């Protein structure tokens, strides 16, 4: 489902309650108040960081209506069709923090090599006799 004339793609920034959301429009970069349209009410659940299709209002510039929620597969198709920019792909701060943690582990331990058996010192584990002393 591609955007028509009075429609834009948007990323949900936060949930405001009662079917209202703050949406960051990808077309012009503005943040607008969005409302879930009636046919989606209690049928489609919208969460922060979801990609949605919003319909702009002619009489209210800062309010839009959410008319479609895209699945991950539909989002990939939109990126491949160059409908949305590649940089707008879903990435949260938690995902970035997790990836940094994994990279730190890789930096310390390196890649797995055949025949490499790390010692307890390399992992930072305490020896069993040291554990008894602490108790």
C-alpha atoms as a PDB file:
ATOM      1  CA  UNK A   1       0.000   0.000   0.000  1.00  0.00           C
ATOM      2  CA  UNK A   2       1.712   3.167  -1.213  1.00  0.00           C
ATOM      3  CA  UNK A   3       0.898   6.717  -0.102  1.00  0.00           C
ATOM      4  CA  UNK A   4      -1.572   8.766  -2.161  1.00  0.00           C
ATOM      5  CA  UNK A   5      -1.710  12.557  -2.546  1.00  0.00           C
ATOM      6  CA  UNK A   6      -2.957  13.503   0.919  1.00  0.00           C
ATOM      7  CA  UNK A   7      -1.123  10.706   2.747  1.00  0.00           C
ATOM      8  CA  UNK A   8       2.328  10.374   4.321  1.00  0.00           C
ATOM      9  CA  UNK A   9       4.418   7.698   5.964  1.00  0.00           C
ATOM     10  CA  UNK A  10       5.086   8.174   9.642  1.00  0.00           C
ATOM     11  CA  UNK A  11       6.868   6.560  12.563  1.00  0.00           C
ATOM     12  CA  UNK A  12       4.957   6.382  15.860  1.00  0.00           C
ATOM     13  CA  UNK A  13       6.930   8.262  18.504  1.00  0.00           C
ATOM     14  CA  UNK A  14       4.786   7.670  21.571  1.00  0.00           C
ATOM     15  CA  UNK A  15       1.357   6.594  22.740  1.00  0.00           C
ATOM     16  CA  UNK A  16      -0.883   9.286  24.222  1.00  0.00           C
ATOM     17  CA  UNK A  17      -3.902   7.153  25.111  1.00  0.00           C
ATOM     18  CA  UNK A  18      -7.492   6.909  23.838  1.00  0.00           C
ATOM     19  CA  UNK A  19      -6.376   5.978  20.313  1.00  0.00           C
ATOM     20  CA  UNK A  20      -4.077   8.987  19.983  1.00  0.00           C
ATOM     21  CA  UNK A  21      -0.385   8.897  19.124  1.00  0.00           C
ATOM     22  CA  UNK A  22       2.465  11.270  18.424  1.00  0.00           C
ATOM     23  CA  UNK A  23       3.734  10.500  14.915  1.00  0.00           C
ATOM     24  CA  UNK A  24       6.923  11.716  13.262  1.00  0.00           C
ATOM     25  CA  UNK A  25       6.013  12.230   9.586  1.00  0.00           C
ATOM     26  CA  UNK A  26       8.799  11.045   7.277  1.00  0.00           C
ATOM     27  CA  UNK A  27       7.778  13.293   4.374  1.00  0.00           C
ATOM     28  CA  UNK A  28       8.369  16.653   6.048  1.00  0.00           C
ATOM     29  CA  UNK A  29       9.880  15.679   9.408  1.00  0.00           C
ATOM     30  CA  UNK A  30       7.122  17.281  11.490  1.00  0.00           C
ATOM     31  CA  UNK A  31       5.712  15.730  14.624  1.00  0.00           C
ATOM     32  CA  UNK A  32       1.904  15.548  14.570  1.00  0.00           C
ATOM     33  CA  UNK A  33      -0.923  14.237  16.721  1.00  0.00           C
ATOM     34  CA  UNK A  34      -2.462  11.146  15.109  1.00  0.00           C
ATOM     35  CA  UNK A  35      -5.744   9.379  15.771  1.00  0.00           C
ATOM     36  CA  UNK A  36      -6.564   5.778  14.836  1.00  0.00           C
ATOM     37  CA  UNK A  37      -9.358   5.703  12.269  1.00  0.00           C
ATOM     38  CA  UNK A  38     -12.623   3.938  13.128  1.00  0.00           C
ATOM     39  CA  UNK A  39     -12.132   0.826  10.992  1.00  0.00           C
ATOM     40  CA  UNK A  40      -8.846   0.095  12.801  1.00  0.00           C
ATOM     41  CA  UNK A  41     -10.172   0.816  16.317  1.00  0.00           C
ATOM     42  CA  UNK A  42      -9.659  -2.283  18.541  1.00  0.00           C
ATOM     43  CA  UNK A  43      -8.653  -4.369  15.511  1.00  0.00           C
ATOM     44  CA  UNK A  44      -5.100  -3.209  14.832  1.00  0.00           C
ATOM     45  CA  UNK A  45      -2.790  -2.479  17.751  1.00  0.00           C
ATOM     46  CA  UNK A  46      -0.310   0.322  17.140  1.00  0.00           C
ATOM     47  CA  UNK A  47       2.827   0.562  19.255  1.00  0.00           C
ATOM     48  CA  UNK A  48       5.714   3.055  19.422  1.00  0.00           C
ATOM     49  CA  UNK A  49       8.248   2.716  16.568  1.00  0.00           C
ATOM     50  CA  UNK A  50       5.645   1.207  14.191  1.00  0.00           C
ATOM     51  CA  UNK A  51       5.556   2.466  10.611  1.00  0.00           C
ATOM     52  CA  UNK A  52       2.101   3.797   9.732  1.00  0.00           C
ATOM     53  CA  UNK A  53       0.354   5.479   6.838  1.00  0.00           C
ATOM     54  CA  UNK A  54      -1.331   8.701   7.912  1.00  0.00           C
ATOM     55  CA  UNK A  55      -3.937  10.766   6.127  1.00  0.00           C
ATOM     56  CA  UNK A  56      -3.540  14.512   6.494  1.00  0.00           C
ATOM     57  CA  UNK A  57      -6.474  16.778   7.233  1.00  0.00           C
ATOM     58  CA  UNK A  58      -7.192  19.769   4.998  1.00  0.00           C
ATOM     59  CA  UNK A  59      -8.497  21.868   7.874  1.00  0.00           C
ATOM     60  CA  UNK A  60      -5.988  20.894  10.604  1.00  0.00           C
ATOM     61  CA  UNK A  61      -2.304  20.786   9.734  1.00  0.00           C
ATOM     62  CA  UNK A  62      -1.080  19.385  13.061  1.00  0.00           C
ATOM     63  CA  UNK A  63      -3.532  16.457  13.216  1.00  0.00           C
ATOM     64  CA  UNK A  64      -3.565  13.319  11.071  1.00  0.00           C
ATOM     65  CA  UNK A  65      -5.452  10.026  10.983  1.00  0.00           C
ATOM     66  CA  UNK A  66      -3.714   6.629  11.038  1.00  0.00           C
ATOM     67  CA  UNK A  67      -5.218   4.610   8.186  1.00  0.00           C
ATOM     68  CA  UNK A  68      -2.789   1.656   7.930  1.00  0.00           C
ATOM     69  CA  UNK A  69      -0.111  -0.051  10.036  1.00  0.00           C
ATOM     70  CA  UNK A  70       2.708  -1.659   8.061  1.00  0.00           C
ATOM     71  CA  UNK A  71       4.131  -5.069   8.892  1.00  0.00           C
ATOM     72  CA  UNK A  72       7.893  -5.694   8.864  1.00  0.00           C
ATOM     73  CA  UNK A  73       7.650  -7.319   5.422  1.00  0.00           C
ATOM     74  CA  UNK A  74       5.702  -4.366   4.018  1.00  0.00           C
ATOM     75  CA  UNK A  75       8.287  -2.019   5.508  1.00  0.00           C
ATOM     76  CA  UNK A  76      11.097  -3.875   3.719  1.00  0.00           C
ATOM     77  CA  UNK A  77       9.162  -3.619   0.445  1.00  0.00           C
ATOM     78  CA  UNK A  78       8.753   0.146   0.935  1.00  0.00           C
ATOM     79  CA  UNK A  79      12.490   0.545   1.563  1.00  0.00           C
ATOM     80  CA  UNK A  80      13.317  -1.491  -1.562  1.00  0.00           C
ATOM     81  CA  UNK A  81      10.859   0.581  -3.617  1.00  0.00           C
ATOM     82  CA  UNK A  82      12.510   3.769  -2.248  1.00  0.00           C
ATOM     83  CA  UNK A  83       9.188   4.989  -0.829  1.00  0.00           C
ATOM     84  CA  UNK A  84      10.761   5.574   2.583  1.00  0.00           C
ATOM     85  CA  UNK A  85      14.414   6.394   3.277  1.00  0.00           C
ATOM     86  CA  UNK A  86      16.695   3.574   4.391  1.00  0.00           C
ATOM     87  CA  UNK A  87      17.733   5.509   7.519  1.00  0.00           C
ATOM     88  CA  UNK A  88      14.165   5.439   8.813  1.00  0.00           C
ATOM     89  CA  UNK A  89      14.373   1.707   9.491  1.00  0.00           C
ATOM     90  CA  UNK A  90      13.358   0.627  12.963  1.00  0.00           C
ATOM     91  CA  UNK A  91      16.182   0.854  15.489  1.00  0.00           C
ATOM     92  CA  UNK A  92      15.719   1.519  19.137  1.00  0.00           C
ATOM     93  CA  UNK A  93      18.181   2.634  21.764  1.00  0.00           C
ATOM     94  CA  UNK A  94      17.840  -0.744  23.483  1.00  0.00           C
ATOM     95  CA  UNK A  95      18.869  -2.529  20.270  1.00  0.00           C
ATOM     96  CA  UNK A  96      21.881  -0.250  19.862  1.00  0.00           C
ATOM     97  CA  UNK A  97      22.916  -0.799  23.497  1.00  0.00           C
ATOM     98  CA  UNK A  98      22.585  -4.574  23.045  1.00  0.00           C
ATOM     99  CA  UNK A  99      24.740  -4.473  19.906  1.00  0.00           C
ATOM    100  CA  UNK A 100      27.398  -2.392  21.705  1.00  0.00           C
ATOM    101  CA  UNK A 101      27.458  -4.983  24.487  1.00  0.00           C
ATOM    102  CA  UNK A 102      27.907  -7.803  21.995  1.00  0.00           C
ATOM    103  CA  UNK A 103      30.704  -5.915  20.267  1.00  0.00           C
ATOM    104  CA  UNK A 104      32.466  -5.380  23.604  1.00  0.00           C
ATOM    105  CA  UNK A 105      32.354  -9.139  24.226  1.00  0.00           C
ATOM    106  CA  UNK A 106      33.745  -9.767  20.742  1.00  0.00           C
ATOM    107  CA  UNK A 107      36.537  -7.250  21.349  1.00  0.00           C
ATOM    108  CA  UNK A 108      37.590  -8.976  24.575  1.00  0.00           C
ATOM    109  CA  UNK A 109      37.344 -12.585  23.471  1.00  0.00           C
ATOM    110  CA  UNK A 110      37.910 -12.272  19.743  1.00  0.00           C
ATOM    111  CA  UNK A 111      36.520 -14.712  17.272  1.00  0.00           C
ATOM    112  CA  UNK A 112      36.225 -18.395  18.057  1.00  0.00           C
ATOM    113  CA  UNK A 113      39.269 -20.348  16.964  1.00  0.00           C
ATOM    114  CA  UNK A 114      39.548 -24.085  16.625  1.00  0.00           C
ATOM    115  CA  UNK A 115      41.302 -25.637  19.611  1.00  0.00           C
ATOM    116  CA  UNK A 116      41.109 -22.492  21.722  1.00  0.00           C
ATOM    117  CA  UNK A 117      40.026 -23.249  25.276  1.00  0.00           C
ATOM    118  CA  UNK A 118      39.966 -20.123  27.456  1.00  0.00           C
ATOM    119  CA  UNK A 119      41.017 -20.411  31.067  1.00  0.00           C
ATOM    120  CA  UNK A 120      39.018 -19.189  34.064  1.00  0.00           C
ATOM    121  CA  UNK A 121      41.309 -16.142  34.298  1.00  0.00           C
ATOM    122  CA  UNK A 122      40.392 -15.027  30.797  1.00  0.00           C
ATOM    123  CA  UNK A 123      36.686 -15.095  31.675  1.00  0.00           C
ATOM    124  CA  UNK A 124      37.191 -13.483  35.081  1.00  0.00           C
ATOM    125  CA  UNK A 125      35.626 -16.322  37.088  1.00  0.00           C
ATOM    126  CA  UNK A 126      36.678 -16.839  40.670  1.00  0.00           C
ATOM    127  CA  UNK A 127      38.345 -20.109  41.593  1.00  0.00           C
ATOM    128  CA  UNK A 128      36.171 -22.519  43.632  1.00  0.00           C
ATOM    129  CA  UNK A 129      38.386 -22.148  46.734  1.00  0.00           C
ATOM    130  CA  UNK A 130      38.019 -18.334  46.554  1.00  0.00           C
ATOM    131  CA  UNK A 131      34.237 -18.694  46.612  1.00  0.00           C
ATOM    132  CA  UNK A 132      34.371 -20.683  49.860  1.00  0.00           C
ATOM    133  CA  UNK A 133      36.408 -17.906  51.497  1.00  0.00           C
ATOM    134  CA  UNK A 134      33.806 -15.278  50.587  1.00  0.00           C
ATOM    135  CA  UNK A 135      30.965 -17.272  52.155  1.00  0.00           C
END
